[in-house]
Each structure stands twice: as structure tokens, then as C-alpha cells.
Amino acid sequence: INVVAYEEEAKQGESSAFHQELQKLTKSITIV
């Protein structure tokens, strides 16, 4: 699983992508 924190997403009200990706996590994750 790979995610990048992006402030423009927060400004636009996106709040579920990180949670959704974590639900798929079983072995490893990279956060940028």
C-alpha cells in the first residue's frame, strides 16, 4: 500500500482515501 499526504486533497475535503487504503493493508505500507 502506498499513500502520499497532499494538502490540496485536504483543502478539497477529501477525507476517506487514507482510511480506505488502510483497510486493504496486510503486509507493508509506504507513506510519503
PDB file of all heavy atoms in Angstrom:
ATOM      1  N   ILE A   1       0.865  -1.184   0.000  1.00  0.00           N
ATOM      2  CA  ILE A   1       0.000   0.000   0.000  1.00  0.00           C
ATOM      3  C   ILE A   1       0.897   1.228   0.000  1.00  0.00           C
ATOM      4  O   ILE A   1       1.898   1.276   0.737  1.00  0.00           O
ATOM      5  CB  ILE A   1      -0.916   0.014   1.242  1.00  0.00           C
ATOM      6  CG1 ILE A   1      -1.793  -1.249   1.289  1.00  0.00           C
ATOM      7  CG2 ILE A   1      -1.762   1.290   1.282  1.00  0.00           C
ATOM      8  CD1 ILE A   1      -2.777  -1.377   0.154  1.00  0.00           C
ATOM      9  N   ASN A   2       0.543   2.232  -0.804  1.00  0.00           N
ATOM     10  CA  ASN A   2       1.375   3.424  -0.917  1.00  0.00           C
ATOM     11  C   ASN A   2       0.488   4.664  -0.924  1.00  0.00           C
ATOM     12  O   ASN A   2      -0.448   4.757  -1.730  1.00  0.00           O
ATOM     13  CB  ASN A   2       2.198   3.374  -2.209  1.00  0.00           C
ATOM     14  CG  ASN A   2       3.052   2.118  -2.298  1.00  0.00           C
ATOM     15  OD1 ASN A   2       4.094   2.033  -1.686  1.00  0.00           O
ATOM     16  ND2 ASN A   2       2.582   1.122  -3.062  1.00  0.00           N
ATOM     17  N   VAL A   3       0.770   5.605  -0.023  1.00  0.00           N
ATOM     18  CA  VAL A   3      -0.033   6.824   0.063  1.00  0.00           C
ATOM     19  C   VAL A   3       0.885   8.031   0.214  1.00  0.00           C
ATOM     20  O   VAL A   3       1.977   7.941   0.771  1.00  0.00           O
ATOM     21  CB  VAL A   3      -1.018   6.781   1.251  1.00  0.00           C
ATOM     22  CG1 VAL A   3      -2.049   5.677   1.067  1.00  0.00           C
ATOM     23  CG2 VAL A   3      -0.279   6.596   2.575  1.00  0.00           C
ATOM     24  N   VAL A   4       0.422   9.170  -0.298  1.00  0.00           N
ATOM     25  CA  VAL A   4       1.145  10.426  -0.136  1.00  0.00           C
ATOM     26  C   VAL A   4       0.197  11.450   0.475  1.00  0.00           C
ATOM     27  O   VAL A   4      -0.944  11.606   0.026  1.00  0.00           O
ATOM     28  CB  VAL A   4       1.718  10.940  -1.480  1.00  0.00           C
ATOM     29  CG1 VAL A   4       0.652  11.056  -2.558  1.00  0.00           C
ATOM     30  CG2 VAL A   4       2.422  12.287  -1.275  1.00  0.00           C
ATOM     31  N   ALA A   5       0.658  12.121   1.517  1.00  0.00           N
ATOM     32  CA  ALA A   5      -0.131  13.184   2.138  1.00  0.00           C
ATOM     33  C   ALA A   5      -0.057  14.409   1.234  1.00  0.00           C
ATOM     34  O   ALA A   5       1.035  14.905   0.939  1.00  0.00           O
ATOM     35  CB  ALA A   5       0.421  13.496   3.528  1.00  0.00           C
ATOM     36  N   TYR A   6      -1.207  14.901   0.808  1.00  0.00           N
ATOM     37  CA  TYR A   6      -1.240  16.016  -0.137  1.00  0.00           C
ATOM     38  C   TYR A   6      -2.254  17.033   0.356  1.00  0.00           C
ATOM     39  O   TYR A   6      -3.454  16.753   0.433  1.00  0.00           O
ATOM     40  CB  TYR A   6      -1.604  15.509  -1.528  1.00  0.00           C
ATOM     41  CG  TYR A   6      -1.488  16.540  -2.623  1.00  0.00           C
ATOM     42  CD1 TYR A   6      -0.427  17.443  -2.662  1.00  0.00           C
ATOM     43  CD2 TYR A   6      -2.437  16.600  -3.643  1.00  0.00           C
ATOM     44  CE1 TYR A   6      -0.314  18.386  -3.682  1.00  0.00           C
ATOM     45  CE2 TYR A   6      -2.323  17.524  -4.673  1.00  0.00           C
ATOM     46  CZ  TYR A   6      -1.262  18.416  -4.678  1.00  0.00           C
ATOM     47  OH  TYR A   6      -1.153  19.345  -5.684  1.00  0.00           O
ATOM     48  N   GLU A   7      -1.759  18.237   0.676  1.00  0.00           N
ATOM     49  CA  GLU A   7      -2.611  19.244   1.306  1.00  0.00           C
ATOM     50  C   GLU A   7      -3.763  19.698   0.413  1.00  0.00           C
ATOM     51  O   GLU A   7      -4.832  20.088   0.907  1.00  0.00           O
ATOM     52  CB  GLU A   7      -1.787  20.455   1.737  1.00  0.00           C
ATOM     53  CG  GLU A   7      -1.110  21.223   0.619  1.00  0.00           C
ATOM     54  CD  GLU A   7       0.262  20.681   0.272  1.00  0.00           C
ATOM     55  OE1 GLU A   7       0.583  19.534   0.648  1.00  0.00           O
ATOM     56  OE2 GLU A   7       1.017  21.405  -0.402  1.00  0.00           O
ATOM     57  N   GLU A   8      -3.586  19.621  -0.909  1.00  0.00           N
ATOM     58  CA  GLU A   8      -4.665  20.036  -1.807  1.00  0.00           C
ATOM     59  C   GLU A   8      -5.878  19.117  -1.678  1.00  0.00           C
ATOM     60  O   GLU A   8      -7.023  19.553  -1.826  1.00  0.00           O
ATOM     61  CB  GLU A   8      -4.171  20.067  -3.256  1.00  0.00           C
ATOM     62  CG  GLU A   8      -3.115  21.134  -3.527  1.00  0.00           C
ATOM     63  CD  GLU A   8      -3.579  22.531  -3.160  1.00  0.00           C
ATOM     64  OE1 GLU A   8      -4.764  22.855  -3.430  1.00  0.00           O
ATOM     65  OE2 GLU A   8      -2.780  23.301  -2.598  1.00  0.00           O
ATOM     66  N   GLU A   9      -5.630  17.844  -1.385  1.00  0.00           N
ATOM     67  CA  GLU A   9      -6.747  16.923  -1.160  1.00  0.00           C
ATOM     68  C   GLU A   9      -7.516  17.313   0.096  1.00  0.00           C
ATOM     69  O   GLU A   9      -8.744  17.269   0.133  1.00  0.00           O
ATOM     70  CB  GLU A   9      -6.227  15.487  -1.033  1.00  0.00           C
ATOM     71  CG  GLU A   9      -5.526  14.952  -2.275  1.00  0.00           C
ATOM     72  CD  GLU A   9      -6.499  14.664  -3.405  1.00  0.00           C
ATOM     73  OE1 GLU A   9      -7.718  14.672  -3.182  1.00  0.00           O
ATOM     74  OE2 GLU A   9      -6.018  14.453  -4.538  1.00  0.00           O
ATOM     75  N   ALA A  10      -6.756  17.704   1.142  1.00  0.00           N
ATOM     76  CA  ALA A  10      -7.405  18.121   2.388  1.00  0.00           C
ATOM     77  C   ALA A  10      -8.233  19.381   2.168  1.00  0.00           C
ATOM     78  O   ALA A  10      -9.353  19.508   2.680  1.00  0.00           O
ATOM     79  CB  ALA A  10      -6.350  18.356   3.467  1.00  0.00           C
ATOM     80  N   LYS A  11      -7.697  20.334   1.384  1.00  0.00           N
ATOM     81  CA  LYS A  11      -8.418  21.584   1.117  1.00  0.00           C
ATOM     82  C   LYS A  11      -9.719  21.322   0.379  1.00  0.00           C
ATOM     83  O   LYS A  11     -10.699  22.050   0.544  1.00  0.00           O
ATOM     84  CB  LYS A  11      -7.539  22.517   0.292  1.00  0.00           C
ATOM     85  CG  LYS A  11      -6.350  23.101   1.054  1.00  0.00           C
ATOM     86  CD  LYS A  11      -5.503  23.958   0.135  1.00  0.00           C
ATOM     87  CE  LYS A  11      -4.257  24.481   0.857  1.00  0.00           C
ATOM     88  NZ  LYS A  11      -3.384  25.271  -0.065  1.00  0.00           N
ATOM     89  N   GLN A  12      -9.726  20.264  -0.437  1.00  0.00           N
ATOM     90  CA  GLN A  12     -10.923  19.934  -1.208  1.00  0.00           C
ATOM     91  C   GLN A  12     -11.886  19.040  -0.439  1.00  0.00           C
ATOM     92  O   GLN A  12     -12.910  18.621  -0.968  1.00  0.00           O
ATOM     93  CB  GLN A  12     -10.502  19.266  -2.520  1.00  0.00           C
ATOM     94  CG  GLN A  12      -9.727  20.199  -3.453  1.00  0.00           C
ATOM     95  CD  GLN A  12      -9.071  19.469  -4.607  1.00  0.00           C
ATOM     96  OE1 GLN A  12      -9.467  18.349  -4.932  1.00  0.00           O
ATOM     97  NE2 GLN A  12      -8.074  20.081  -5.214  1.00  0.00           N
ATOM     98  N   GLY A  13     -11.537  18.737   0.805  1.00  0.00           N
ATOM     99  CA  GLY A  13     -12.437  17.979   1.663  1.00  0.00           C
ATOM    100  C   GLY A  13     -12.296  16.478   1.588  1.00  0.00           C
ATOM    101  O   GLY A  13     -13.093  15.751   2.192  1.00  0.00           O
ATOM    102  N   GLU A  14     -11.286  15.958   0.843  1.00  0.00           N
ATOM    103  CA  GLU A  14     -11.084  14.507   0.765  1.00  0.00           C
ATOM    104  C   GLU A  14     -10.648  13.988   2.128  1.00  0.00           C
ATOM    105  O   GLU A  14      -9.713  14.480   2.727  1.00  0.00           O
ATOM    106  CB  GLU A  14     -10.006  14.196  -0.277  1.00  0.00           C
ATOM    107  CG  GLU A  14      -9.847  12.711  -0.571  1.00  0.00           C
ATOM    108  CD  GLU A  14      -9.135  11.952   0.542  1.00  0.00           C
ATOM    109  OE1 GLU A  14      -8.071  12.412   0.988  1.00  0.00           O
ATOM    110  OE2 GLU A  14      -9.684  10.928   0.987  1.00  0.00           O
ATOM    111  N   SER A  15     -11.350  12.991   2.649  1.00  0.00           N
ATOM    112  CA  SER A  15     -11.033  12.518   3.995  1.00  0.00           C
ATOM    113  C   SER A  15     -11.112  11.005   4.145  1.00  0.00           C
ATOM    114  O   SER A  15     -11.009  10.502   5.260  1.00  0.00           O
ATOM    115  CB  SER A  15     -11.991  13.166   5.017  1.00  0.00           C
ATOM    116  OG  SER A  15     -13.337  12.828   4.709  1.00  0.00           O
ATOM    117  N   SER A  16     -11.282  10.285   3.031  1.00  0.00           N
ATOM    118  CA  SER A  16     -11.505   8.848   3.171  1.00  0.00           C
ATOM    119  C   SER A  16     -10.420   7.978   2.541  1.00  0.00           C
ATOM    120  O   SER A  16     -10.340   6.790   2.838  1.00  0.00           O
ATOM    121  CB  SER A  16     -12.851   8.463   2.553  1.00  0.00           C
ATOM    122  OG  SER A  16     -12.869   8.776   1.156  1.00  0.00           O
ATOM    123  N   ALA A  17      -9.584   8.546   1.666  1.00  0.00           N
ATOM    124  CA  ALA A  17      -8.627   7.714   0.928  1.00  0.00           C
ATOM    125  C   ALA A  17      -7.653   6.989   1.852  1.00  0.00           C
ATOM    126  O   ALA A  17      -7.378   5.797   1.664  1.00  0.00           O
ATOM    127  CB  ALA A  17      -7.862   8.568  -0.086  1.00  0.00           C
ATOM    128  N   PHE A  18      -7.115   7.688   2.849  1.00  0.00           N
ATOM    129  CA  PHE A  18      -6.163   7.060   3.767  1.00  0.00           C
ATOM    130  C   PHE A  18      -6.841   5.914   4.511  1.00  0.00           C
ATOM    131  O   PHE A  18      -6.292   4.807   4.619  1.00  0.00           O
ATOM    132  CB  PHE A  18      -5.619   8.107   4.738  1.00  0.00           C
ATOM    133  CG  PHE A  18      -4.494   7.621   5.619  1.00  0.00           C
ATOM    134  CD1 PHE A  18      -3.547   6.708   5.165  1.00  0.00           C
ATOM    135  CD2 PHE A  18      -4.362   8.089   6.926  1.00  0.00           C
ATOM    136  CE1 PHE A  18      -2.509   6.269   5.974  1.00  0.00           C
ATOM    137  CE2 PHE A  18      -3.327   7.666   7.746  1.00  0.00           C
ATOM    138  CZ  PHE A  18      -2.407   6.744   7.275  1.00  0.00           C
ATOM    139  N   HIS A  19      -8.037   6.154   5.007  1.00  0.00           N
ATOM    140  CA  HIS A  19      -8.778   5.103   5.717  1.00  0.00           C
ATOM    141  C   HIS A  19      -9.046   3.912   4.797  1.00  0.00           C
ATOM    142  O   HIS A  19      -8.858   2.751   5.197  1.00  0.00           O
ATOM    143  CB  HIS A  19     -10.103   5.669   6.225  1.00  0.00           C
ATOM    144  CG  HIS A  19     -11.023   4.634   6.790  1.00  0.00           C
ATOM    145  ND1 HIS A  19     -10.817   4.029   8.015  1.00  0.00           N
ATOM    146  CD2 HIS A  19     -12.158   4.067   6.279  1.00  0.00           C
ATOM    147  CE1 HIS A  19     -11.774   3.148   8.237  1.00  0.00           C
ATOM    148  NE2 HIS A  19     -12.596   3.149   7.205  1.00  0.00           N
ATOM    149  N   GLN A  20      -9.448   4.175   3.578  1.00  0.00           N
ATOM    150  CA  GLN A  20      -9.757   3.095   2.636  1.00  0.00           C
ATOM    151  C   GLN A  20      -8.521   2.262   2.318  1.00  0.00           C
ATOM    152  O   GLN A  20      -8.598   1.031   2.236  1.00  0.00           O
ATOM    153  CB  GLN A  20     -10.344   3.684   1.357  1.00  0.00           C
ATOM    154  CG  GLN A  20     -11.744   4.268   1.539  1.00  0.00           C
ATOM    155  CD  GLN A  20     -12.231   5.013   0.313  1.00  0.00           C
ATOM    156  OE1 GLN A  20     -11.506   5.140  -0.682  1.00  0.00           O
ATOM    157  NE2 GLN A  20     -13.454   5.518   0.372  1.00  0.00           N
ATOM    158  N   GLU A  21      -7.377   2.917   2.151  1.00  0.00           N
ATOM    159  CA  GLU A  21      -6.144   2.183   1.854  1.00  0.00           C
ATOM    160  C   GLU A  21      -5.727   1.320   3.050  1.00  0.00           C
ATOM    161  O   GLU A  21      -5.237   0.199   2.875  1.00  0.00           O
ATOM    162  CB  GLU A  21      -5.022   3.148   1.467  1.00  0.00           C
ATOM    163  CG  GLU A  21      -5.236   3.848   0.139  1.00  0.00           C
ATOM    164  CD  GLU A  21      -5.407   2.868  -1.013  1.00  0.00           C
ATOM    165  OE1 GLU A  21      -4.521   2.015  -1.193  1.00  0.00           O
ATOM    166  OE2 GLU A  21      -6.435   2.958  -1.718  1.00  0.00           O
ATOM    167  N   LEU A  22      -5.923   1.833   4.254  1.00  0.00           N
ATOM    168  CA  LEU A  22      -5.545   1.061   5.445  1.00  0.00           C
ATOM    169  C   LEU A  22      -6.387  -0.196   5.600  1.00  0.00           C
ATOM    170  O   LEU A  22      -5.924  -1.184   6.183  1.00  0.00           O
ATOM    171  CB  LEU A  22      -5.662   1.927   6.700  1.00  0.00           C
ATOM    172  CG  LEU A  22      -4.621   3.041   6.862  1.00  0.00           C
ATOM    173  CD1 LEU A  22      -4.819   3.773   8.191  1.00  0.00           C
ATOM    174  CD2 LEU A  22      -3.196   2.496   6.783  1.00  0.00           C
ATOM    175  N   GLN A  23      -7.603  -0.180   5.086  1.00  0.00           N
ATOM    176  CA  GLN A  23      -8.451  -1.369   5.172  1.00  0.00           C
ATOM    177  C   GLN A  23      -7.924  -2.502   4.281  1.00  0.00           C
ATOM    178  O   GLN A  23      -8.253  -3.668   4.488  1.00  0.00           O
ATOM    179  CB  GLN A  23      -9.898  -1.029   4.788  1.00  0.00           C
ATOM    180  CG  GLN A  23     -10.524   0.086   5.612  1.00  0.00           C
ATOM    181  CD  GLN A  23     -10.228  -0.014   7.088  1.00  0.00           C
ATOM    182  OE1 GLN A  23     -10.587  -1.001   7.743  1.00  0.00           O
ATOM    183  NE2 GLN A  23      -9.560   0.989   7.642  1.00  0.00           N
ATOM    184  N   LYS A  24      -7.098  -2.160   3.284  1.00  0.00           N
ATOM    185  CA  LYS A  24      -6.527  -3.162   2.392  1.00  0.00           C
ATOM    186  C   LYS A  24      -5.189  -3.689   2.902  1.00  0.00           C
ATOM    187  O   LYS A  24      -4.659  -4.673   2.371  1.00  0.00           O
ATOM    188  CB  LYS A  24      -6.304  -2.559   1.000  1.00  0.00           C
ATOM    189  CG  LYS A  24      -7.512  -1.890   0.374  1.00  0.00           C
ATOM    190  CD  LYS A  24      -7.090  -1.177  -0.920  1.00  0.00           C
ATOM    191  CE  LYS A  24      -8.184  -0.295  -1.476  1.00  0.00           C
ATOM    192  NZ  LYS A  24      -7.705   0.477  -2.653  1.00  0.00           N
ATOM    193  N   LEU A  25      -4.642  -3.048   3.912  1.00  0.00           N
ATOM    194  CA  LEU A  25      -3.274  -3.328   4.355  1.00  0.00           C
ATOM    195  C   LEU A  25      -3.157  -4.683   5.050  1.00  0.00           C
ATOM    196  O   LEU A  25      -3.890  -4.974   5.994  1.00  0.00           O
ATOM    197  CB  LEU A  25      -2.827  -2.214   5.316  1.00  0.00           C
ATOM    198  CG  LEU A  25      -1.448  -2.331   5.956  1.00  0.00           C
ATOM    199  CD1 LEU A  25      -0.349  -2.386   4.906  1.00  0.00           C
ATOM    200  CD2 LEU A  25      -1.209  -1.156   6.913  1.00  0.00           C
ATOM    201  N   THR A  26      -2.208  -5.503   4.563  1.00  0.00           N
ATOM    202  CA  THR A  26      -1.936  -6.785   5.217  1.00  0.00           C
ATOM    203  C   THR A  26      -0.457  -6.987   5.535  1.00  0.00           C
ATOM    204  O   THR A  26      -0.115  -7.676   6.482  1.00  0.00           O
ATOM    205  CB  THR A  26      -2.397  -7.965   4.335  1.00  0.00           C
ATOM    206  OG1 THR A  26      -1.677  -7.945   3.100  1.00  0.00           O
ATOM    207  CG2 THR A  26      -3.892  -7.888   4.054  1.00  0.00           C
ATOM    208  N   LYS A  27       0.435  -6.388   4.744  1.00  0.00           N
ATOM    209  CA  LYS A  27       1.862  -6.680   4.920  1.00  0.00           C
ATOM    210  C   LYS A  27       2.732  -5.438   5.073  1.00  0.00           C
ATOM    211  O   LYS A  27       3.552  -5.359   5.986  1.00  0.00           O
ATOM    212  CB  LYS A  27       2.386  -7.499   3.727  1.00  0.00           C
ATOM    213  CG  LYS A  27       1.771  -8.886   3.606  1.00  0.00           C
ATOM    214  CD  LYS A  27       2.338  -9.609   2.388  1.00  0.00           C
ATOM    215  CE  LYS A  27       1.720 -10.992   2.228  1.00  0.00           C
ATOM    216  NZ  LYS A  27       2.244 -11.682   1.014  1.00  0.00           N
ATOM    217  N   SER A  28       2.576  -4.472   4.175  1.00  0.00           N
ATOM    218  CA  SER A  28       3.508  -3.343   4.187  1.00  0.00           C
ATOM    219  C   SER A  28       2.865  -2.092   3.613  1.00  0.00           C
ATOM    220  O   SER A  28       1.969  -2.172   2.764  1.00  0.00           O
ATOM    221  CB  SER A  28       4.771  -3.688   3.387  1.00  0.00           C
ATOM    222  OG  SER A  28       4.452  -3.944   2.029  1.00  0.00           O
ATOM    223  N   ILE A  29       3.353  -0.937   4.070  1.00  0.00           N
ATOM    224  CA  ILE A  29       2.828   0.336   3.603  1.00  0.00           C
ATOM    225  C   ILE A  29       3.953   1.355   3.535  1.00  0.00           C
ATOM    226  O   ILE A  29       4.843   1.374   4.395  1.00  0.00           O
ATOM    227  CB  ILE A  29       1.687   0.849   4.522  1.00  0.00           C
ATOM    228  CG1 ILE A  29       1.127   2.184   3.992  1.00  0.00           C
ATOM    229  CG2 ILE A  29       2.152   0.991   5.958  1.00  0.00           C
ATOM    230  CD1 ILE A  29      -0.154   2.610   4.706  1.00  0.00           C
ATOM    231  N   THR A  30       3.931   2.168   2.499  1.00  0.00           N
ATOM    232  CA  THR A  30       4.844   3.309   2.376  1.00  0.00           C
ATOM    233  C   THR A  30       4.018   4.580   2.462  1.00  0.00           C
ATOM    234  O   THR A  30       3.027   4.731   1.743  1.00  0.00           O
ATOM    235  CB  THR A  30       5.603   3.279   1.031  1.00  0.00           C
ATOM    236  OG1 THR A  30       6.505   2.168   1.042  1.00  0.00           O
ATOM    237  CG2 THR A  30       6.410   4.554   0.829  1.00  0.00           C
ATOM    238  N   ILE A  31       4.420   5.478   3.370  1.00  0.00           N
ATOM    239  CA  ILE A  31       3.763   6.774   3.465  1.00  0.00           C
ATOM    240  C   ILE A  31       4.770   7.841   3.039  1.00  0.00           C
ATOM    241  O   ILE A  31       5.925   7.813   3.432  1.00  0.00           O
ATOM    242  CB  ILE A  31       3.217   7.047   4.883  1.00  0.00           C
ATOM    243  CG1 ILE A  31       4.324   6.988   5.934  1.00  0.00           C
ATOM    244  CG2 ILE A  31       2.120   6.055   5.235  1.00  0.00           C
ATOM    245  CD1 ILE A  31       3.839   7.332   7.348  1.00  0.00           C
ATOM    246  N   VAL A  32       4.307   8.764   2.210  1.00  0.00           N
ATOM    247  CA  VAL A  32       5.170   9.803   1.653  1.00  0.00           C
ATOM    248  C   VAL A  32       4.680  11.156   2.146  1.00  0.00           C
ATOM    249  O   VAL A  32       3.495  11.484   2.008  1.00  0.00           O
ATOM    250  CB  VAL A  32       5.169   9.769   0.112  1.00  0.00           C
ATOM    251  CG1 VAL A  32       6.182  10.759  -0.445  1.00  0.00           C
ATOM    252  CG2 VAL A  32       5.456   8.355  -0.403  1.00  0.00           C
TER     253      VAL A  32
END
